[in-house]
Protein backbone atom coordinates (compact mmCIF):
# COMPACT_ATOMS: atom_id res chain seq x y z
CA MET A 1 -16.75 2.62 17.41
CA GLY A 2 -19.68 2.48 15.39
CA LEU A 3 -22.08 5.16 13.54
CA LEU A 4 -24.33 5.62 16.26
CA ALA A 5 -21.15 6.39 18.35
CA ALA A 6 -19.68 8.97 15.82
CA THR A 7 -22.76 10.95 15.60
CA SER A 8 -22.68 11.61 19.31
CA LEU A 9 -18.95 12.93 18.98
CA SER A 10 -20.18 16.74 19.74
CA THR A 11 -16.63 18.19 20.17
CA LEU A 12 -15.88 17.73 16.10
CA TRP A 13 -15.78 20.27 13.49
CA ALA A 14 -19.08 20.76 11.45
CA ALA A 15 -17.92 20.04 7.74
CA PRO A 16 -20.13 21.82 5.47
CA ALA A 17 -23.43 20.11 4.41
CA LEU A 18 -21.49 19.63 0.65
CA ALA A 19 -17.88 18.21 -0.15
CA GLN A 20 -17.86 20.62 -2.66
CA THR A 21 -18.47 24.00 -0.59
CA ALA A 22 -15.16 25.03 1.40
CA ALA A 23 -15.44 25.40 5.27
CA PRO A 24 -16.01 29.17 6.39
CA ALA A 25 -12.72 30.87 7.09
CA THR A 26 -13.30 31.10 11.18
CA GLN A 27 -12.89 26.95 11.11
CA ALA A 28 -9.95 26.79 9.71
CA PRO A 29 -6.27 28.54 10.18
CA GLN A 30 -5.02 30.83 7.19
CA ALA A 31 -3.95 29.41 4.20
CA GLN A 32 -0.43 30.38 5.07
CA SER A 33 0.19 29.02 8.14
CA ARG A 34 -0.87 25.33 6.90
CA PRO A 35 1.33 22.87 5.66
CA ASN A 36 1.28 21.06 2.48
CA PHE A 37 0.70 17.12 1.92
CA LEU A 38 2.47 14.74 -0.28
CA VAL A 39 1.65 11.32 -0.01
CA ILE A 40 3.42 8.85 -2.26
CA VAL A 41 2.41 4.99 -2.31
CA ALA A 42 4.77 2.69 -4.01
CA ASP A 43 2.66 -0.34 -5.20
CA ASP A 44 3.97 -3.95 -4.11
CA LEU A 45 7.72 -2.28 -3.23
CA GLY A 46 9.53 -4.73 -0.79
CA TRP A 47 10.43 -3.70 2.83
CA SER A 48 14.58 -3.96 1.97
CA ASP A 49 14.27 -1.85 -1.43
CA LEU A 50 15.21 1.40 -0.82
CA GLY A 51 18.96 2.09 0.06
CA ALA A 52 17.89 4.20 3.53
CA PHE A 53 16.30 0.46 4.60
CA GLY A 54 18.99 -1.69 3.14
CA GLY A 55 18.69 -2.39 -0.53
CA GLU A 56 21.15 -1.59 -3.38
CA ILE A 57 18.86 -0.49 -5.87
CA ARG A 58 19.79 3.07 -6.85
CA THR A 59 17.17 5.13 -5.18
CA PRO A 60 19.01 8.74 -4.11
CA ASN A 61 15.66 10.74 -4.25
CA LEU A 62 13.66 8.50 -1.97
CA ASP A 63 16.94 8.09 0.24
CA ALA A 64 17.65 11.79 0.60
CA LEU A 65 13.80 12.08 2.00
CA ALA A 66 14.18 9.20 4.04
CA LEU A 67 17.70 10.08 5.59
CA LYS A 68 16.36 13.79 6.64
CA GLY A 69 13.37 12.60 7.98
CA VAL A 70 11.92 9.72 10.30
CA ARG A 71 12.23 6.30 9.09
CA PHE A 72 9.58 3.92 10.53
CA THR A 73 10.30 0.22 11.04
CA GLY A 74 6.80 -0.64 12.60
CA PHE A 75 4.65 0.83 10.09
CA HIS A 76 1.89 -1.57 8.81
CA THR A 77 -0.62 -1.69 6.13
CA ALA A 78 -3.45 -4.24 5.06
CA PRO A 79 -1.86 -7.38 3.35
CA THR A 80 -2.91 -6.20 -0.08
CA CYS A 81 -3.31 -2.92 -2.31
CA SER A 82 -6.85 -1.97 -2.07
CA PRO A 83 -7.84 -2.59 1.32
CA THR A 84 -4.67 -0.73 2.28
CA ARG A 85 -5.66 2.35 0.07
CA SER A 86 -8.97 2.08 1.71
CA GLU A 87 -7.89 2.64 5.18
CA LEU A 88 -5.34 5.21 4.25
CA LEU A 89 -7.59 7.63 2.69
CA SER A 90 -10.47 6.87 5.60
CA GLY A 91 -9.07 6.33 8.70
CA VAL A 92 -10.85 3.24 9.71
CA ASP A 93 -10.39 -0.51 9.00
CA ASN A 94 -10.96 -1.90 5.17
CA HIS A 95 -13.90 -3.93 6.70
CA GLU A 96 -15.62 -0.70 7.54
CA ALA A 97 -14.51 1.35 4.64
CA GLY A 98 -15.72 -1.33 1.96
CA LEU A 99 -12.62 -3.53 1.23
CA GLY A 100 -13.31 -6.50 3.35
CA SER A 101 -11.71 -7.99 0.23
CA MET A 102 -10.42 -6.91 -2.94
CA ALA A 103 -13.64 -6.50 -5.44
CA GLU A 104 -12.12 -8.76 -7.91
CA LEU A 105 -11.82 -11.29 -5.42
CA LEU A 106 -15.15 -10.94 -3.77
CA ASP A 107 -16.89 -14.55 -3.13
CA ALA A 108 -20.44 -15.34 -2.75
CA SER A 109 -20.39 -15.24 1.39
CA GLN A 110 -19.04 -11.51 0.86
CA ARG A 111 -21.46 -9.82 -1.75
CA GLY A 112 -23.98 -7.79 -0.56
CA HIS A 113 -22.68 -7.42 3.16
CA ASP A 114 -21.74 -4.06 4.43
CA GLY A 115 -17.79 -3.23 4.48
CA TYR A 116 -17.35 -5.80 1.16
CA GLU A 117 -18.98 -3.29 -1.53
CA GLY A 118 -15.34 -3.74 -3.39
CA PHE A 119 -15.20 0.01 -3.62
CA LEU A 120 -14.36 3.34 -0.75
CA ASN A 121 -17.95 3.09 0.77
CA ASN A 122 -19.98 6.50 1.82
CA ARG A 123 -19.65 5.40 5.59
CA VAL A 124 -16.60 7.01 5.32
CA ALA A 125 -15.27 10.64 3.98
CA SER A 126 -11.88 10.58 2.34
CA ILE A 127 -9.14 12.76 3.50
CA ALA A 128 -9.20 14.59 0.50
CA GLU A 129 -12.70 15.30 0.86
CA LEU A 130 -12.33 16.60 4.52
CA LEU A 131 -9.10 18.66 3.35
CA LYS A 132 -11.18 20.09 0.37
CA ALA A 133 -13.84 20.86 2.76
CA GLY A 134 -11.13 22.59 5.12
CA GLY A 135 -9.81 24.92 2.27
CA TYR A 136 -7.30 22.58 0.38
CA HIS A 137 -6.84 22.15 -3.45
CA THR A 138 -6.69 18.45 -3.78
CA LEU A 139 -4.57 16.73 -6.65
CA MET A 140 -4.59 12.99 -7.27
CA ALA A 141 -2.23 11.39 -9.98
CA GLY A 142 -1.87 7.35 -10.14
CA LYS A 143 -3.63 4.12 -9.29
CA TRP A 144 -7.23 4.33 -7.90
CA HIS A 145 -8.52 0.54 -7.31
CA LEU A 146 -11.44 2.07 -4.99
CA GLY A 147 -13.88 1.97 -7.77
CA LEU A 148 -14.32 1.77 -11.56
CA THR A 149 -17.69 4.19 -12.25
CA GLU A 150 -17.73 7.79 -12.11
CA GLN A 151 -19.89 7.95 -8.58
CA THR A 152 -16.50 5.92 -7.30
CA SER A 153 -13.98 7.94 -8.91
CA PRO A 154 -11.48 10.09 -7.17
CA ALA A 155 -13.38 13.36 -8.81
CA ALA A 156 -16.10 11.98 -6.75
CA ARG A 157 -14.20 11.05 -3.39
CA GLY A 158 -13.05 14.77 -3.08
CA PHE A 159 -10.08 15.51 -5.58
CA ASP A 160 -10.38 18.77 -7.33
CA GLN A 161 -7.95 17.50 -10.15
CA SER A 162 -7.16 13.62 -10.65
CA TYR A 163 -5.64 11.33 -13.38
CA ALA A 164 -6.20 7.85 -12.35
CA LEU A 165 -5.49 4.32 -13.33
CA LEU A 166 -9.04 2.55 -11.86
CA GLN A 167 -7.92 -1.28 -11.79
CA GLY A 168 -5.23 -2.48 -9.58
CA LEU A 169 -2.59 -2.59 -12.32
CA SER A 170 -1.97 -1.90 -16.10
CA ASN A 171 0.42 -2.66 -18.85
CA HIS A 172 3.32 -0.07 -17.94
CA PHE A 173 3.53 1.20 -21.56
CA GLY A 174 -0.27 1.04 -22.42
CA ALA A 175 -0.45 -1.92 -24.53
CA ASP A 176 -3.47 -3.17 -22.92
CA GLN A 177 -5.52 -0.07 -24.53
CA THR A 178 -5.99 -2.26 -27.65
CA ALA A 179 -9.14 -3.99 -29.06
CA ALA A 180 -7.64 -7.35 -28.57
CA TRP A 181 -7.06 -6.43 -24.57
CA GLY A 182 -10.62 -5.46 -23.73
CA LYS A 183 -12.21 -8.25 -26.03
CA ALA A 184 -9.89 -10.62 -23.34
CA GLY A 185 -11.63 -8.40 -20.58
CA GLU A 186 -8.10 -7.23 -19.76
CA ARG A 187 -7.88 -3.10 -20.98
CA SER A 188 -7.08 -1.02 -17.70
CA THR A 189 -9.45 2.06 -17.39
CA TRP A 190 -8.54 5.74 -17.00
CA ARG A 191 -9.81 8.97 -15.81
CA GLU A 192 -8.98 12.63 -15.83
CA GLY A 193 -11.62 13.75 -13.66
CA LEU A 194 -14.83 12.49 -14.22
CA LYS A 195 -13.90 11.59 -17.97
CA GLU A 196 -12.89 8.34 -19.05
CA VAL A 197 -9.72 8.83 -21.24
CA HIS A 198 -7.56 6.45 -23.15
CA TYR A 199 -3.77 5.85 -21.84
CA PRO A 200 -1.24 7.27 -24.22
CA GLN A 201 0.41 3.83 -25.79
CA GLY A 202 4.19 3.83 -25.41
CA LYS A 203 4.71 6.05 -22.48
CA TYR A 204 5.75 4.69 -19.33
CA VAL A 205 3.25 4.96 -16.89
CA ASP A 206 5.18 6.11 -13.68
CA ASP A 207 6.53 8.95 -15.78
CA GLN A 208 3.02 10.17 -16.97
CA PHE A 209 2.01 10.18 -13.20
CA ALA A 210 4.34 12.32 -12.59
CA ASP A 211 3.96 14.60 -15.38
CA LYS A 212 0.25 14.91 -14.39
CA LEU A 213 1.36 15.62 -11.00
CA ILE A 214 3.68 18.28 -11.92
CA GLY A 215 1.32 19.67 -14.43
CA PHE A 216 -1.25 19.93 -11.49
CA LEU A 217 1.26 21.86 -9.45
CA ASP A 218 2.46 23.85 -12.24
CA GLN A 219 -0.92 25.43 -12.95
CA SER A 220 -1.35 26.49 -9.33
CA ALA A 221 1.88 28.22 -9.25
CA LYS A 222 1.55 30.07 -12.44
CA THR A 223 -1.23 31.86 -10.98
CA GLY A 224 0.33 32.90 -7.55
CA ASP A 225 -2.20 30.49 -5.70
CA THR A 226 -0.74 30.15 -2.22
CA THR A 227 -3.88 27.58 -1.12
CA PRO A 228 -2.29 24.61 0.31
CA PHE A 229 -2.51 21.65 -1.28
CA PHE A 230 -2.72 18.08 -0.71
CA ALA A 231 -1.18 15.43 -3.60
CA TYR A 232 -1.72 11.74 -3.36
CA LEU A 233 0.74 10.44 -6.11
CA THR A 234 0.30 6.65 -6.15
CA PHE A 235 2.81 4.71 -8.60
CA THR A 236 2.42 1.56 -10.09
CA GLY A 237 5.75 0.69 -9.81
CA PRO A 238 7.12 -2.32 -9.08
CA HIS A 239 3.50 -4.03 -9.22
CA TRP A 240 3.73 -6.93 -12.16
CA PRO A 241 4.00 -6.90 -14.84
CA MET A 242 7.77 -6.63 -14.59
CA GLN A 243 8.45 -3.68 -17.55
CA ALA A 244 10.75 -1.15 -17.51
CA PRO A 245 12.28 1.37 -19.80
CA PRO A 246 15.64 -0.80 -21.64
CA GLU A 247 18.31 2.18 -20.55
CA ASP A 248 17.16 1.35 -16.86
CA ILE A 249 17.21 -2.12 -16.92
CA ALA A 250 20.26 -2.43 -18.78
CA ARG A 251 22.07 -0.59 -15.11
CA TYR A 252 21.41 -3.46 -13.21
CA LYS A 253 22.65 -6.16 -15.83
CA GLY A 254 24.28 -9.15 -14.22
CA ARG A 255 23.62 -7.63 -10.45
CA TYR A 256 21.48 -10.48 -9.38
CA ASP A 257 23.14 -13.49 -10.67
CA ALA A 258 24.55 -14.96 -7.36
CA GLY A 259 20.53 -15.52 -6.42
CA TYR A 260 17.89 -14.38 -4.17
CA ASP A 261 19.64 -16.37 -1.08
CA VAL A 262 22.91 -14.20 -1.32
CA LEU A 263 20.47 -11.08 -1.68
CA LYS A 264 18.72 -11.91 0.97
CA ALA A 265 21.86 -12.22 3.24
CA GLN A 266 23.16 -9.22 2.11
CA ARG A 267 20.10 -7.17 2.37
CA LEU A 268 19.67 -8.15 6.35
CA ALA A 269 23.57 -7.39 7.07
CA ARG A 270 22.84 -3.77 5.74
CA GLN A 271 20.11 -3.43 7.67
CA LYS A 272 21.62 -4.30 10.84
CA GLU A 273 24.57 -1.82 9.75
CA LEU A 274 21.93 0.83 9.35
CA GLY A 275 20.24 0.20 12.93
CA LEU A 276 16.85 -0.93 11.17
CA VAL A 277 16.70 -4.31 13.23
CA PRO A 278 18.26 -5.57 16.13
CA GLN A 279 21.77 -6.97 15.44
CA ASP A 280 20.72 -10.69 16.37
CA ALA A 281 17.49 -10.58 14.00
CA VAL A 282 17.00 -13.71 12.29
CA ALA A 283 15.01 -14.01 8.82
CA HIS A 284 12.52 -16.29 8.28
CA ALA A 285 13.41 -18.92 5.96
CA HIS A 286 12.03 -19.35 2.54
CA GLU A 287 8.93 -21.08 2.21
CA LEU A 288 7.27 -20.26 -1.21
CA ALA A 289 10.56 -20.17 -3.47
CA LYS A 290 13.00 -23.45 -4.22
CA PRO A 291 16.77 -22.95 -3.03
CA TRP A 292 18.74 -20.91 -5.70
CA ASP A 293 21.31 -23.50 -5.88
CA SER A 294 18.87 -25.92 -7.26
CA LEU A 295 17.71 -24.32 -10.17
CA THR A 296 19.08 -24.74 -13.66
CA PRO A 297 21.18 -22.29 -15.34
CA GLU A 298 18.58 -21.37 -17.63
CA GLU A 299 16.28 -21.19 -14.64
CA LYS A 300 18.74 -18.85 -13.17
CA ALA A 301 19.30 -16.58 -16.25
CA PHE A 302 15.51 -15.90 -16.10
CA GLU A 303 15.07 -15.38 -12.35
CA SER A 304 17.82 -13.06 -12.66
CA ARG A 305 16.49 -11.17 -15.58
CA LYS A 306 13.01 -10.55 -13.60
CA MET A 307 15.20 -8.76 -10.71
CA GLU A 308 16.95 -6.85 -13.33
CA ILE A 309 13.65 -5.38 -14.28
CA TYR A 310 12.25 -5.29 -11.21
CA ALA A 311 15.60 -3.27 -9.57
CA ALA A 312 14.94 -0.98 -12.90
CA MET A 313 11.28 -0.30 -12.03
CA VAL A 314 12.15 0.85 -8.38
CA ASP A 315 14.99 3.17 -9.89
CA ARG A 316 12.63 4.88 -12.42
CA LEU A 317 10.12 5.35 -9.59
CA ASP A 318 12.53 7.07 -7.87
CA GLN A 319 13.89 9.27 -10.58
CA ASN A 320 10.05 10.62 -10.87
CA VAL A 321 9.97 11.21 -7.21
CA GLY A 322 13.07 13.29 -7.62
CA ARG A 323 11.15 15.21 -10.55
CA VAL A 324 8.25 15.93 -8.32
CA ILE A 325 10.47 17.25 -5.69
CA ALA A 326 12.57 19.74 -8.24
CA GLU A 327 8.80 21.10 -9.08
CA LEU A 328 8.29 21.79 -5.71
CA LYS A 329 11.72 23.36 -4.60
CA ARG A 330 11.40 25.38 -7.93
CA THR A 331 8.13 26.92 -7.32
CA GLY A 332 9.12 27.42 -3.68
CA ARG A 333 6.59 25.23 -1.95
CA TYR A 334 8.91 22.51 -0.55
CA ASP A 335 9.87 23.76 2.82
CA ASN A 336 6.27 23.95 3.73
CA THR A 337 5.23 20.53 2.11
CA THR A 338 4.87 17.22 4.57
CA ILE A 339 5.69 14.47 2.74
CA ILE A 340 4.79 10.41 3.76
CA PHE A 341 6.35 7.79 1.21
CA LEU A 342 4.84 4.25 1.92
CA ALA A 343 4.54 0.86 0.23
CA ASP A 344 0.88 -0.37 -0.20
CA ASN A 345 1.72 -3.98 1.09
CA GLY A 346 4.62 -6.50 0.83
CA PRO A 347 6.16 -8.21 -2.25
CA GLU A 348 4.14 -9.86 -4.81
CA GLY A 349 5.29 -13.66 -4.39
CA ASN A 350 3.00 -15.60 -6.78
CA VAL A 351 4.30 -17.04 -10.05
CA ILE A 352 3.05 -14.77 -12.61
CA THR A 353 3.20 -15.66 -16.48
CA GLY A 354 0.33 -13.81 -18.15
CA PRO A 355 -2.71 -11.81 -17.46
CA LYS A 356 -4.96 -14.95 -17.47
CA GLY A 357 -4.77 -18.47 -18.02
CA GLY A 358 -5.49 -20.68 -20.96
CA ASN A 359 -4.51 -19.80 -24.42
CA PHE A 360 -4.66 -15.63 -23.64
CA ASN A 361 -0.79 -15.32 -24.10
CA GLN A 362 -1.36 -16.31 -27.18
CA LEU A 363 -4.46 -14.24 -28.27
CA LEU A 364 -2.33 -11.24 -26.67
CA LYS A 365 1.01 -12.25 -28.27
CA ILE A 366 2.46 -12.12 -24.96
CA ASP A 367 6.57 -13.05 -25.49
CA ASN A 368 8.06 -13.95 -22.42
CA SER A 369 11.46 -15.27 -23.74
CA LEU A 370 14.38 -14.10 -21.89
CA GLY A 371 15.76 -11.67 -24.29
CA ASN A 372 12.32 -9.88 -24.45
CA LEU A 373 11.55 -9.95 -20.63
CA GLY A 374 10.85 -6.43 -19.50
CA LYS A 375 9.10 -5.03 -23.11
CA ALA A 376 5.57 -4.00 -23.32
CA ASN A 377 4.75 -7.51 -24.82
CA SER A 378 5.87 -9.26 -22.03
CA TYR A 379 4.06 -10.44 -18.95
CA VAL A 380 5.86 -11.90 -15.89
CA GLY A 381 6.18 -11.23 -11.91
CA TYR A 382 9.10 -11.89 -10.03
CA GLY A 383 8.22 -14.46 -8.08
CA PRO A 384 8.36 -16.28 -4.82
CA GLY A 385 12.30 -15.98 -4.46
CA TRP A 386 12.77 -12.26 -4.84
CA ALA A 387 9.70 -11.29 -3.12
CA GLU A 388 10.82 -13.26 -0.10
CA ALA A 389 14.51 -11.82 -0.20
CA ASN A 390 12.87 -8.28 -0.30
CA ALA A 391 10.89 -8.62 2.77
CA VAL A 392 13.50 -9.76 4.45
CA PRO A 393 13.61 -10.29 7.85
CA SER A 394 9.66 -10.88 7.69
CA ARG A 395 7.99 -14.12 7.15
CA LEU A 396 5.99 -14.15 3.74
CA VAL A 397 4.87 -12.05 1.41
CA LYS A 398 1.50 -10.01 0.02
CA SER A 399 -1.76 -11.15 0.73
CA TYR A 400 -0.54 -12.58 4.17
CA PRO A 401 -1.02 -10.99 7.37
CA THR A 402 2.72 -11.82 8.62
CA GLU A 403 5.17 -9.39 8.67
CA GLY A 404 6.62 -9.85 5.09
CA GLY A 405 2.77 -9.00 3.86
CA ILE A 406 2.18 -5.85 6.41
CA ARG A 407 5.20 -4.44 7.48
CA THR A 408 6.31 -2.17 4.37
CA THR A 409 8.69 0.70 4.12
CA ALA A 410 7.56 4.19 5.20
CA PHE A 411 8.88 7.53 6.15
CA ALA A 412 7.71 10.69 6.79
CA SER A 413 10.48 13.92 5.95
CA GLY A 414 9.39 18.08 5.10
CA ALA A 415 7.62 20.49 7.05
CA GLY A 416 7.04 19.62 10.69
CA VAL A 417 9.37 16.83 11.10
CA GLN A 418 12.54 16.03 13.36
CA GLY A 419 14.70 14.23 10.72
CA GLY A 420 17.56 12.22 11.19
CA ARG A 421 15.57 9.32 13.24
CA ILE A 422 14.47 5.82 13.35
CA ASN A 423 10.89 5.21 15.07
CA THR A 424 10.14 1.84 16.21
CA ALA A 425 6.49 2.26 16.94
CA ASN A 426 3.70 -0.07 15.92
CA LEU A 427 1.87 2.48 13.31
CA SER A 428 -1.04 1.86 11.21
CA VAL A 429 -1.66 3.45 7.59
CA THR A 430 -5.05 4.24 9.43
CA ASP A 431 -2.48 7.27 11.10
CA ILE A 432 -2.10 9.03 7.99
CA ALA A 433 -6.06 10.58 7.57
CA PRO A 434 -5.80 11.72 11.02
CA THR A 435 -2.37 12.90 11.15
CA LEU A 436 -3.03 15.15 7.66
CA LEU A 437 -6.19 16.44 9.34
CA GLN A 438 -4.58 17.43 12.41
CA LEU A 439 -1.49 18.92 11.09
CA ALA A 440 -3.68 20.97 8.64
CA GLY A 441 -5.64 22.43 12.01
CA LEU A 442 -8.97 20.39 11.34
CA THR A 443 -10.91 18.01 13.40
CA GLN A 444 -13.12 15.17 11.72
CA PRO A 445 -16.72 15.81 11.88
CA ALA A 446 -19.36 13.58 12.77
CA SER A 447 -21.44 13.60 9.52
CA PHE A 448 -20.55 14.43 6.28
CA ASN A 449 -22.47 15.67 3.06
CA GLY A 450 -25.64 14.73 4.95
CA HIS A 451 -24.75 11.36 6.61
CA PRO A 452 -23.01 10.17 9.46
CA ILE A 453 -19.24 8.38 9.09
CA LEU A 454 -17.02 6.44 11.08
CA PRO A 455 -14.81 8.43 13.04
CA HIS A 456 -10.91 8.12 12.51
CA GLU A 457 -9.55 4.58 14.11
CA GLY A 458 -5.98 5.67 13.40
CA HIS A 459 -4.07 7.77 15.74
CA SER A 460 -1.92 11.33 14.57
CA TRP A 461 1.43 11.36 14.01
CA SER A 462 2.04 14.94 14.79
CA GLN A 463 3.65 14.97 18.35
CA LEU A 464 5.60 11.84 17.10
CA LEU A 465 6.81 13.83 13.71
CA ALA A 466 7.90 16.78 15.89
CA GLY A 467 10.10 14.35 17.96
CA GLN A 468 8.27 15.17 21.19
CA SER A 469 6.77 11.84 21.46
CA GLU A 470 8.12 7.77 20.23
CA THR A 471 4.54 6.06 20.13
CA VAL A 472 0.84 6.67 19.39
CA ARG A 473 -0.86 3.76 20.74
CA SER A 474 -0.42 1.94 23.92
CA PRO A 475 0.77 -1.35 23.99
CA GLU A 476 -2.95 -2.48 24.97
CA GLU A 477 -4.50 -1.51 22.08
CA ALA A 478 -4.98 -4.15 19.69
CA LEU A 479 -4.83 -4.07 15.69
CA GLY A 480 -6.25 -6.80 13.66
CA TYR A 481 -5.97 -7.72 10.33
CA GLU A 482 -7.98 -10.02 8.05
CA LEU A 483 -8.15 -10.86 4.30
CA PHE A 484 -8.76 -13.69 2.40
CA TYR A 485 -9.88 -15.58 5.40
CA ARG A 486 -6.14 -15.17 6.83
CA ARG A 487 -6.19 -13.34 10.07
CA GLY A 488 -3.91 -11.48 12.56
CA LEU A 489 -4.05 -9.40 15.52
CA ARG A 490 -0.55 -7.39 17.20
CA LYS A 491 -1.19 -5.91 20.80
CA GLY A 492 1.91 -4.43 21.83
CA ASP A 493 5.10 -6.65 21.02
CA TRP A 494 2.82 -9.81 20.83
CA LYS A 495 1.49 -10.84 17.69
CA ILE A 496 -0.86 -14.06 16.67
CA VAL A 497 -1.23 -15.41 13.04
CA TYR A 498 -3.75 -17.67 11.43
CA LEU A 499 -3.21 -19.08 7.93
CA PRO A 500 -5.84 -21.61 6.61
CA ALA A 501 -4.71 -24.61 4.80
CA ALA A 502 -4.85 -24.49 1.18
CA GLU A 503 -7.92 -26.60 -0.11
CA ALA A 504 -9.12 -27.18 -3.73
CA ASP A 505 -12.58 -26.14 -3.08
CA ALA A 506 -11.54 -23.00 -1.25
CA PRO A 507 -11.57 -19.16 -2.28
CA VAL A 508 -9.55 -18.29 -4.71
CA TYR A 509 -6.13 -17.30 -2.99
CA LEU A 510 -6.53 -20.19 -0.60
CA LYS A 511 -6.22 -22.50 -3.44
CA LYS A 512 -2.37 -22.74 -2.76
CA GLY A 513 0.14 -20.87 -0.73
CA VAL A 514 1.06 -21.47 3.13
CA GLY A 515 -1.09 -22.47 5.96
CA ASP A 516 -1.74 -25.09 8.41
CA ASN A 517 -5.22 -24.07 10.06
CA GLN A 518 -3.05 -23.14 13.89
CA TRP A 519 -2.96 -20.11 15.74
CA ARG A 520 0.67 -19.24 15.96
CA LEU A 521 2.00 -16.86 18.35
CA TYR A 522 5.23 -14.29 18.52
CA ASN A 523 7.08 -11.75 20.27
CA LEU A 524 8.02 -9.26 17.65
CA ALA A 525 10.40 -7.45 19.61
CA ARG A 526 12.40 -10.65 19.92
CA ASP A 527 11.53 -12.41 16.71
CA PRO A 528 10.71 -9.90 13.76
CA GLY A 529 10.88 -12.66 11.38
CA GLU A 530 8.39 -14.32 13.17
CA THR A 531 10.55 -17.61 13.27
CA THR A 532 9.55 -18.86 16.57
CA ASP A 533 5.92 -20.13 17.76
CA LEU A 534 5.56 -19.61 21.36
CA SER A 535 1.91 -20.37 21.39
CA ALA A 536 3.03 -23.80 23.53
CA SER A 537 5.04 -21.78 26.00
CA GLU A 538 2.68 -18.70 26.17
CA PRO A 539 -0.81 -19.91 27.14
CA ALA A 540 -2.24 -17.16 28.73
CA ARG A 541 -0.93 -14.76 25.99
CA LEU A 542 -2.22 -16.48 23.22
CA LYS A 543 -5.68 -17.07 25.09
CA GLU A 544 -5.64 -12.97 25.55
CA LEU A 545 -5.00 -12.28 22.00
CA LEU A 546 -7.90 -14.65 20.35
CA ALA A 547 -9.90 -12.95 22.70
CA ASP A 548 -8.71 -9.47 21.27
CA TRP A 549 -9.41 -11.48 17.90
CA ASP A 550 -13.03 -12.30 18.45
CA SER A 551 -13.54 -9.04 19.63
CA TYR A 552 -12.25 -7.18 16.45
CA ALA A 553 -13.89 -9.52 14.20
CA LYS A 554 -17.22 -9.21 15.65
CA ALA A 555 -16.72 -5.27 15.77
CA LYS A 556 -15.68 -5.25 12.16
CA GLN A 557 -18.37 -7.94 11.15
CA VAL A 558 -15.81 -10.20 9.45
CA ILE A 559 -17.41 -13.19 7.59
CA PRO A 560 -15.54 -16.53 8.78
CA LEU A 561 -14.29 -18.94 6.79
CA ASP A 562 -16.70 -21.47 7.73
CA THR A 563 -19.40 -19.31 6.08
CA ALA A 564 -17.50 -19.02 2.67
CA LYS A 565 -17.16 -22.71 2.76
CA GLN A 566 -20.57 -23.31 3.56
CA GLN A 567 -21.82 -21.21 0.60
CA ALA A 568 -19.19 -22.88 -1.76
CA ALA A 569 -21.09 -26.19 -0.55
CA LYS A 570 -24.32 -25.12 -2.07
CA LYS A 571 -22.70 -24.53 -5.68
CA PRO A 572 -24.14 -27.01 -8.10
């Protein structure tokens, strides 16, 4: 639905002209009757990392919330972080919200086009803006990744109080705040409210985010303020570089020496025990990693250490979730808080050995020796082997529209949630904004801040959370995905995927990776690992979904790869 359609919806609640102006009291329920909201986002978390989703990492706080709530086995995001965050906050497709591609990776064919601004645009109102206008306190601590300027900061998009990393990643101990990192163009930027601030070097970043949010919550508790809140806590763990406090890393010493092939099998077996996947589910084979048995002893030791650090990062994230939950319980607000937890995309499968190529590791004094891994001056990712294992049973990893890139860990718990359940519905990150708005007793306006806004495309989960429904969309509704010219579309149990072949002169993400320029068709109900292509045996189904893809791409003004290639060919 476009802007003209949005402005014609007369039944929507009329928002005030300014985001900073609260809605009239008659427009919303009394504060005491409305739930608080806590939305927690983990960065690059694998689908099977948490204990409640089949993992072996110590995550008691998240597991307790997940098991008391409803775990989602069909929750989907965009293939990478900033597009997902744009969809979460706006309730619409990333190509409409401004992140048709990541800002860092926009190519010449995309720049200047609507939906490819590289920041959360003004065609949408964020859920923070809408809740704030409806009488909520709005709080944010963590990674933003939706704009670097004051005008595109969290404080400018509806958050009363915010402490934010503006880019997509940072050194987890703040070691990138030095002049050397600034000269290399790799220093992370931080804002508290509208003010740019310096990150305190030496402090672990997810500890800092939890501290800040707890501080915001504590301020209102001390004043006796009963205004409901929306808190958005967006950790950078376990995003690369792999770094964690040494005491957490030590807890996992030797745990992964058997390798990623064994870990993959163990996690799939546990998922079957938990009822998260069908008993006959088959995992997709590794496509990006070497078989573990083909590695040298030195390579195995290095790989094992990276996974030990990764596990420590997830462990530390869980500890910080526990601290925030304890604060809610201490101040008597836990029982009236609806909690949604999600990962922003699948696990990171690229081979990462430093912030940049060339001699930057030497200039920045990066030390990736085995004994130094995990410290502030190391810089690695955990690689494709562990990433593909952690996405089990799904195919591939972050940046792909396959299930390994877009099906992520998610659950809801707390107020309004009938717990102890597993839900298998096809859900989208665009559902979160309309869910919170409906639970708050509000409806989306047709315009905001004096201009029309796009209506939410996602669906409210209010009845699903209450146990009154098992689905939120019909089997005939198509959900499209596109990023870096990789394409996917889901309709009911059926899904098509198109992965362009890697080419040396292609846009950055297509210079490597997996792809063959063919549309593939899968039935996810029978084959969650996308292991069996049915395009030859189901030609009518393939044709139907291809027509749906064309409609999606046209409606969202997706820029095709052919255009990008033509643009690239014009370069001298």
